[in-house]
Amino acid sequence: MNLPAPDVKWRPAREPIARMMVGGMILAGDIGGTKSLLGLFGPGTDRPQSSVLREYATADFDGLVQLVGTFLDETGTRGIDAACFGVAGQVRGLVARLTNVPWVADAAPVLDRLGCPVALVNDLAALAYAVPLLDPDELAVLQDGAAEPDGNAALIAAGTGLGEALLHNVEGRFVPCASEGGHADFAPRTPREIELAAHLRRAYGRVDTERVISGRGLLNLYGFTHGRPDRRPACPGVRHADEDSLPATITRAGLDRRCPGCMEALELFVGAYGSEAGNLALRGTATAGVYIGGGIAPQILPALESGLFMEAFRDKDPMTDMLRAVPVLVILNRSAGLLGAAVRAAEL
């Protein structure tokens, strides 16, 4: 059951957004490792309102300008007033190298074509801009907690890769701060996770958290629990799946309890995800809430609600009591990153 989101004084950010958007048209993008969303937004009462939305396979394009050009040509769009693109990679000015896609996002040619202010931000920073504006029916509560109005918040999102961001509370308004925390070292907690870390170390050398908590991480977990050195399908339930659809097929086999190896892979994933979310809460003193984004969480919501995620989240003695008080919510709006990019563009 979805409960009302905790009031952590994020509403004051809505009024200036509405004012800045009067009469303006915004182009927003959420550029991920697998898919990219592009959309047009206009003014809304308390947040930008979407009018056009397109989804593309990121790998079908050679760069950001080609992707944006396709969208503009398909939709016949003219007269953009501001644009922002959230990109799954480290951003430096108007350039970002995508972590899981072999091309560079360069916003300078986009700026030249549009002739308006253009921003490039990390995809988790873009998602963080949306978090204050999400409605209760766009969130599922894993832990009610007791939000501290003056506290920080945090965001973690597993999809093709693993993204993390902090939301610093500055005078009652949350300021997103991107990070590359998904590439920090994986910290095994249990004997089985220690075996997993050793298995991945043999395969990759260094084991970062994304090797476990991501779509590609699920493939690694699948190989580990099925006793295989590679990712080739090993059980009847997923034998005919290609690599792109394999993570979803593994999770479905685990949720349906059709394969013991897939069940264990999903359990390892959920436990590691909860533990890393708790680590992030500690690093950012996220007493105003931890938000779980990305494409995977809504698909495995029953597994996240089973108790394993929150048990791993809170298992941080001597900080267990602090973590029991942190609200933990899953973002159900699959276009939240695009909305956040529109929010950031409205500030330009």
Protein backbone atom coordinates (compact mmCIF):
# COMPACT_ATOMS: atom_id res chain seq x y z
CA MET A 1 0.00 0.00 0.00
CA ASN A 2 1.31 3.47 -0.93
CA LEU A 3 1.33 5.92 1.96
CA PRO A 4 1.71 9.70 1.78
CA ALA A 5 5.28 10.81 1.27
CA PRO A 6 6.85 12.42 4.32
CA ASP A 7 6.77 16.22 4.45
CA VAL A 8 10.40 17.29 4.32
CA LYS A 9 9.83 20.92 3.27
CA TRP A 10 10.35 20.41 -0.42
CA ARG A 11 7.22 22.30 -1.49
CA PRO A 12 8.88 25.77 -1.50
CA ALA A 13 10.81 24.76 -4.64
CA ARG A 14 7.57 24.53 -6.65
CA GLU A 15 6.59 28.21 -6.76
CA PRO A 16 9.75 29.57 -8.44
CA ILE A 17 9.65 26.74 -10.99
CA ALA A 18 6.11 27.68 -11.99
CA ARG A 19 7.08 31.35 -12.32
CA MET A 20 10.16 30.66 -14.45
CA MET A 21 8.21 28.51 -16.88
CA VAL A 22 5.53 31.02 -17.83
CA GLY A 23 5.25 31.00 -21.65
CA GLY A 24 8.30 28.77 -22.12
CA MET A 25 8.84 25.48 -23.95
CA ILE A 26 11.39 23.10 -22.52
CA LEU A 27 13.22 20.19 -24.14
CA ALA A 28 14.30 17.57 -21.60
CA GLY A 29 16.26 14.36 -22.02
CA ASP A 30 17.07 11.34 -19.87
CA ILE A 31 19.98 9.61 -21.62
CA GLY A 32 20.58 6.15 -20.19
CA GLY A 33 22.84 3.23 -20.97
CA THR A 34 20.04 1.30 -22.69
CA LYS A 35 17.25 3.72 -23.55
CA SER A 36 16.84 7.47 -23.85
CA LEU A 37 13.72 9.53 -23.24
CA LEU A 38 13.21 12.94 -24.83
CA GLY A 39 10.23 15.14 -24.15
CA LEU A 40 8.72 18.59 -24.45
CA PHE A 41 7.37 20.34 -21.37
CA GLY A 42 5.28 23.45 -20.81
CA PRO A 43 4.25 25.40 -17.72
CA GLY A 44 2.32 23.64 -14.97
CA THR A 45 0.73 24.63 -11.69
CA ASP A 46 3.45 23.12 -9.52
CA ARG A 47 5.73 21.26 -11.94
CA PRO A 48 6.49 21.17 -15.68
CA GLN A 49 3.82 19.39 -17.72
CA SER A 50 4.77 16.92 -20.44
CA SER A 51 3.25 17.41 -23.90
CA VAL A 52 5.38 15.14 -26.14
CA LEU A 53 7.41 12.06 -25.21
CA ARG A 54 9.62 9.77 -27.31
CA GLU A 55 11.75 6.77 -26.36
CA TYR A 56 14.86 5.68 -28.28
CA ALA A 57 17.51 2.96 -28.02
CA THR A 58 20.64 4.87 -27.00
CA ALA A 59 22.98 2.59 -28.95
CA ASP A 60 21.16 3.46 -32.20
CA PHE A 61 22.83 6.89 -32.19
CA ASP A 62 26.40 8.14 -32.45
CA GLY A 63 25.96 11.06 -30.07
CA LEU A 64 23.63 13.50 -28.38
CA VAL A 65 23.25 15.88 -31.31
CA GLN A 66 22.08 13.04 -33.58
CA LEU A 67 19.59 11.89 -30.96
CA VAL A 68 18.20 15.39 -30.41
CA GLY A 69 18.10 16.02 -34.17
CA THR A 70 16.01 12.90 -34.71
CA PHE A 71 13.55 14.00 -32.03
CA LEU A 72 13.23 17.52 -33.43
CA ASP A 73 12.75 16.24 -36.99
CA GLU A 74 10.18 13.60 -35.96
CA THR A 75 8.13 16.02 -33.90
CA GLY A 76 8.60 19.14 -36.06
CA THR A 77 9.60 21.04 -32.94
CA ARG A 78 10.76 24.67 -33.13
CA GLY A 79 11.10 27.48 -30.61
CA ILE A 80 12.72 25.76 -27.62
CA ASP A 81 13.38 28.20 -24.75
CA ALA A 82 15.64 26.00 -22.61
CA ALA A 83 16.94 22.43 -22.60
CA CYS A 84 18.52 20.04 -20.13
CA PHE A 85 19.77 16.49 -20.55
CA GLY A 86 20.45 14.03 -17.75
CA VAL A 87 23.27 11.73 -18.84
CA ALA A 88 24.43 8.42 -17.34
CA GLY A 89 28.04 9.43 -16.90
CA GLN A 90 30.40 11.99 -15.43
CA VAL A 91 29.62 15.52 -16.62
CA ARG A 92 32.21 18.20 -17.23
CA GLY A 93 30.67 21.40 -18.48
CA LEU A 94 28.78 20.59 -21.67
CA VAL A 95 30.49 17.24 -22.23
CA ALA A 96 29.90 13.84 -20.65
CA ARG A 97 31.27 10.40 -21.46
CA LEU A 98 28.55 7.81 -20.96
CA THR A 99 29.65 4.97 -18.70
CA ASN A 100 27.91 2.11 -20.50
CA VAL A 101 27.61 3.50 -24.05
CA PRO A 102 30.55 4.07 -26.43
CA TRP A 103 29.84 7.69 -27.27
CA VAL A 104 30.37 11.13 -25.80
CA ALA A 105 27.46 13.47 -25.06
CA ASP A 106 28.53 16.89 -26.29
CA ALA A 107 25.86 19.53 -25.73
CA ALA A 108 27.70 22.34 -27.56
CA PRO A 109 26.34 21.39 -31.03
CA VAL A 110 22.87 21.05 -29.46
CA LEU A 111 23.20 24.56 -28.05
CA ASP A 112 24.18 25.83 -31.51
CA ARG A 113 21.15 24.17 -33.11
CA LEU A 114 18.61 25.25 -30.49
CA GLY A 115 19.96 28.74 -29.82
CA CYS A 116 18.81 28.67 -26.19
CA PRO A 117 20.30 27.89 -22.76
CA VAL A 118 21.33 24.21 -22.52
CA ALA A 119 22.49 22.25 -19.47
CA LEU A 120 24.02 18.81 -19.14
CA VAL A 121 23.74 17.08 -15.75
CA ASN A 122 24.37 13.62 -14.37
CA ASP A 123 21.28 11.44 -14.75
CA LEU A 124 20.95 10.91 -10.98
CA ALA A 125 21.22 14.66 -10.41
CA ALA A 126 18.39 15.09 -12.93
CA LEU A 127 16.30 12.50 -11.11
CA ALA A 128 17.05 14.27 -7.83
CA TYR A 129 15.52 17.49 -9.19
CA ALA A 130 12.24 15.60 -9.63
CA VAL A 131 12.10 14.01 -6.18
CA PRO A 132 10.66 17.07 -4.34
CA LEU A 133 7.83 17.28 -6.88
CA LEU A 134 6.67 13.67 -6.90
CA ASP A 135 3.11 13.00 -5.79
CA PRO A 136 2.21 10.30 -3.23
CA ASP A 137 0.83 7.96 -5.91
CA GLU A 138 4.23 8.07 -7.64
CA LEU A 139 5.94 6.56 -4.59
CA ALA A 140 5.78 3.24 -2.74
CA VAL A 141 6.82 3.30 0.91
CA LEU A 142 9.20 0.63 2.19
CA GLN A 143 9.68 2.32 5.58
CA ASP A 144 7.63 5.20 6.98
CA GLY A 145 10.34 6.51 9.26
CA ALA A 146 10.20 9.99 10.72
CA ALA A 147 11.71 12.52 8.36
CA GLU A 148 13.76 15.35 9.82
CA PRO A 149 12.76 18.59 8.07
CA ASP A 150 16.30 19.94 8.26
CA GLY A 151 17.94 16.69 7.12
CA ASN A 152 19.49 15.70 3.83
CA ALA A 153 18.08 13.09 1.47
CA ALA A 154 19.67 10.51 -0.82
CA LEU A 155 18.87 8.77 -4.07
CA ILE A 156 20.05 5.41 -5.40
CA ALA A 157 18.98 3.92 -8.72
CA ALA A 158 19.82 0.59 -10.32
CA GLY A 159 19.21 0.20 -14.04
CA THR A 160 21.75 -0.61 -16.72
CA GLY A 161 24.26 0.70 -14.18
CA LEU A 162 24.08 1.97 -10.59
CA GLY A 163 23.68 5.66 -9.86
CA GLU A 164 23.81 7.51 -6.56
CA ALA A 165 23.21 11.13 -5.58
CA LEU A 166 22.80 13.22 -2.45
CA LEU A 167 20.30 15.99 -1.89
CA HIS A 168 21.76 18.57 0.46
CA ASN A 169 19.26 20.56 2.50
CA VAL A 170 20.15 24.23 2.06
CA GLU A 171 17.73 26.53 3.91
CA GLY A 172 14.82 24.16 3.38
CA ARG A 173 15.47 23.53 -0.32
CA PHE A 174 17.22 20.44 -1.61
CA VAL A 175 20.25 20.89 -3.85
CA PRO A 176 21.20 17.78 -5.88
CA CYS A 177 24.80 16.60 -5.77
CA ALA A 178 25.82 13.88 -8.22
CA SER A 179 28.33 11.18 -7.36
CA GLU A 180 30.05 8.15 -8.86
CA GLY A 181 29.27 6.07 -5.78
CA GLY A 182 28.08 3.16 -7.90
CA HIS A 183 31.71 2.54 -8.81
CA ALA A 184 32.90 2.42 -5.20
CA ASP A 185 34.07 -0.95 -3.88
CA PHE A 186 31.47 -3.63 -3.21
CA ALA A 187 31.27 -4.43 0.53
CA PRO A 188 30.14 -8.05 1.14
CA ARG A 189 28.33 -8.65 4.45
CA THR A 190 27.51 -12.37 4.55
CA PRO A 191 29.52 -15.55 3.89
CA ARG A 192 27.67 -16.02 0.60
CA GLU A 193 28.42 -12.43 -0.46
CA ILE A 194 32.08 -13.01 0.38
CA GLU A 195 32.02 -16.02 -1.97
CA LEU A 196 30.36 -13.80 -4.58
CA ALA A 197 33.03 -11.11 -4.21
CA ALA A 198 35.77 -13.72 -4.66
CA HIS A 199 33.99 -15.05 -7.77
CA LEU A 200 33.73 -11.56 -9.28
CA ARG A 201 37.30 -10.70 -8.34
CA ARG A 202 38.51 -13.69 -10.34
CA ALA A 203 36.43 -12.52 -13.29
CA TYR A 204 37.08 -8.77 -13.19
CA GLY A 205 39.97 -8.06 -10.81
CA ARG A 206 38.34 -5.16 -8.95
CA VAL A 207 34.73 -5.53 -7.80
CA ASP A 208 32.73 -2.31 -7.74
CA THR A 209 29.16 -2.15 -6.48
CA GLU A 210 27.75 -1.83 -10.00
CA ARG A 211 29.06 -5.34 -10.73
CA VAL A 212 26.37 -6.56 -8.33
CA ILE A 213 23.57 -3.96 -8.21
CA SER A 214 22.53 -3.26 -11.81
CA GLY A 215 21.02 -5.05 -14.77
CA ARG A 216 24.47 -6.29 -15.69
CA GLY A 217 25.05 -7.14 -12.06
CA LEU A 218 22.04 -9.44 -12.18
CA LEU A 219 23.76 -11.33 -15.00
CA ASN A 220 26.83 -11.72 -12.79
CA LEU A 221 24.67 -12.98 -9.92
CA TYR A 222 22.94 -15.39 -12.27
CA GLY A 223 26.25 -16.86 -13.38
CA PHE A 224 27.38 -17.16 -9.78
CA THR A 225 24.27 -18.88 -8.43
CA HIS A 226 24.13 -21.26 -11.39
CA GLY A 227 27.80 -22.19 -11.04
CA ARG A 228 28.74 -20.88 -14.47
CA PRO A 229 31.82 -18.86 -15.43
CA ASP A 230 29.83 -16.94 -18.06
CA ARG A 231 26.36 -15.45 -18.61
CA ARG A 232 24.94 -18.08 -20.95
CA PRO A 233 21.44 -19.20 -19.94
CA ALA A 234 21.68 -22.18 -17.62
CA CYS A 235 18.12 -22.98 -16.54
CA PRO A 236 14.99 -23.78 -18.60
CA GLY A 237 13.15 -20.65 -17.51
CA VAL A 238 15.61 -18.28 -19.18
CA ARG A 239 17.22 -20.45 -21.84
CA HIS A 240 15.75 -18.62 -24.80
CA ALA A 241 16.26 -15.08 -23.51
CA ASP A 242 18.82 -12.80 -25.19
CA GLU A 243 21.26 -10.81 -23.08
CA ASP A 244 19.19 -7.59 -23.25
CA SER A 245 16.08 -9.28 -21.84
CA LEU A 246 17.92 -11.70 -19.55
CA PRO A 247 17.92 -9.51 -16.38
CA ALA A 248 14.12 -9.12 -16.54
CA THR A 249 13.70 -12.83 -17.27
CA ILE A 250 15.90 -13.76 -14.31
CA THR A 251 13.94 -11.53 -11.93
CA ARG A 252 10.63 -12.92 -13.19
CA ALA A 253 11.86 -16.50 -12.71
CA GLY A 254 12.98 -15.56 -9.20
CA LEU A 255 9.72 -13.78 -8.31
CA ASP A 256 7.70 -16.72 -9.65
CA ARG A 257 9.94 -19.16 -7.73
CA ARG A 258 10.52 -21.21 -10.88
CA CYS A 259 14.26 -21.64 -10.47
CA PRO A 260 16.29 -21.93 -7.22
CA GLY A 261 19.32 -20.32 -8.85
CA CYS A 262 17.27 -17.34 -10.08
CA MET A 263 15.60 -17.06 -6.67
CA GLU A 264 18.99 -16.86 -4.97
CA ALA A 265 20.28 -14.36 -7.55
CA LEU A 266 17.32 -12.10 -6.85
CA GLU A 267 17.75 -12.47 -3.08
CA LEU A 268 21.44 -11.57 -3.33
CA PHE A 269 20.54 -8.57 -5.47
CA VAL A 270 17.89 -7.29 -3.06
CA GLY A 271 20.12 -7.78 -0.01
CA ALA A 272 23.06 -5.98 -1.63
CA TYR A 273 20.76 -3.20 -2.86
CA GLY A 274 19.33 -2.64 0.62
CA SER A 275 22.77 -2.66 2.19
CA GLU A 276 24.17 -0.12 -0.27
CA ALA A 277 21.11 2.12 0.20
CA GLY A 278 21.82 2.04 3.94
CA ASN A 279 25.49 2.86 3.30
CA LEU A 280 24.43 5.85 1.22
CA ALA A 281 22.06 7.02 3.96
CA LEU A 282 24.96 6.98 6.40
CA ARG A 283 27.37 8.75 4.07
CA GLY A 284 24.90 11.55 3.43
CA THR A 285 23.16 11.54 6.84
CA ALA A 286 19.97 11.22 4.81
CA THR A 287 17.56 11.71 7.69
CA ALA A 288 14.96 13.28 5.37
CA GLY A 289 14.63 10.14 3.29
CA VAL A 290 16.22 7.66 0.89
CA TYR A 291 14.62 7.30 -2.53
CA ILE A 292 15.01 4.22 -4.72
CA GLY A 293 14.89 5.07 -8.42
CA GLY A 294 15.84 3.36 -11.66
CA GLY A 295 14.06 0.91 -13.89
CA ILE A 296 14.59 -2.23 -11.82
CA ALA A 297 12.95 -1.29 -8.51
CA PRO A 298 9.33 -1.02 -9.76
CA GLN A 299 9.72 -4.38 -11.53
CA ILE A 300 10.82 -6.18 -8.35
CA LEU A 301 8.68 -4.26 -5.86
CA PRO A 302 7.30 -7.46 -4.22
CA ALA A 303 10.89 -8.58 -3.54
CA LEU A 304 11.79 -5.16 -2.12
CA GLU A 305 8.73 -5.31 0.13
CA SER A 306 9.59 -8.81 1.41
CA GLY A 307 11.68 -7.42 4.28
CA LEU A 308 15.10 -8.48 2.99
CA PHE A 309 15.87 -5.03 1.55
CA MET A 310 15.03 -3.16 4.74
CA GLU A 311 16.75 -5.72 6.96
CA ALA A 312 19.99 -5.15 5.04
CA PHE A 313 19.37 -1.38 5.01
CA ARG A 314 19.13 -1.23 8.83
CA ASP A 315 21.85 -3.77 9.67
CA LYS A 316 24.44 -1.09 10.45
CA ASP A 317 25.16 -1.34 14.17
CA PRO A 318 25.75 1.06 15.93
CA MET A 319 23.62 3.23 13.56
CA THR A 320 20.58 0.94 13.38
CA ASP A 321 18.32 3.29 15.34
CA MET A 322 19.15 6.17 13.03
CA LEU A 323 18.33 4.07 9.96
CA ARG A 324 15.04 2.88 11.46
CA ALA A 325 13.91 6.51 11.42
CA VAL A 326 14.82 7.18 7.76
CA PRO A 327 11.86 7.14 5.32
CA VAL A 328 12.59 4.81 2.41
CA LEU A 329 10.51 5.15 -0.76
CA VAL A 330 10.53 3.60 -4.24
CA ILE A 331 9.96 5.94 -7.20
CA LEU A 332 7.25 4.45 -9.41
CA ASN A 333 7.19 7.19 -12.06
CA ARG A 334 9.35 5.79 -14.86
CA SER A 335 9.74 9.26 -16.42
CA ALA A 336 10.90 10.95 -13.22
CA GLY A 337 14.41 11.54 -14.59
CA LEU A 338 12.94 13.32 -17.59
CA LEU A 339 10.77 15.44 -15.30
CA GLY A 340 13.84 16.35 -13.26
CA ALA A 341 15.71 17.44 -16.37
CA ALA A 342 12.77 19.68 -17.22
CA VAL A 343 12.87 21.15 -13.70
CA ARG A 344 16.56 21.94 -14.11
CA ALA A 345 15.94 23.50 -17.55
CA ALA A 346 13.25 25.73 -16.01
CA GLU A 347 15.96 27.25 -13.81
CA LEU A 348 18.16 28.27 -16.77
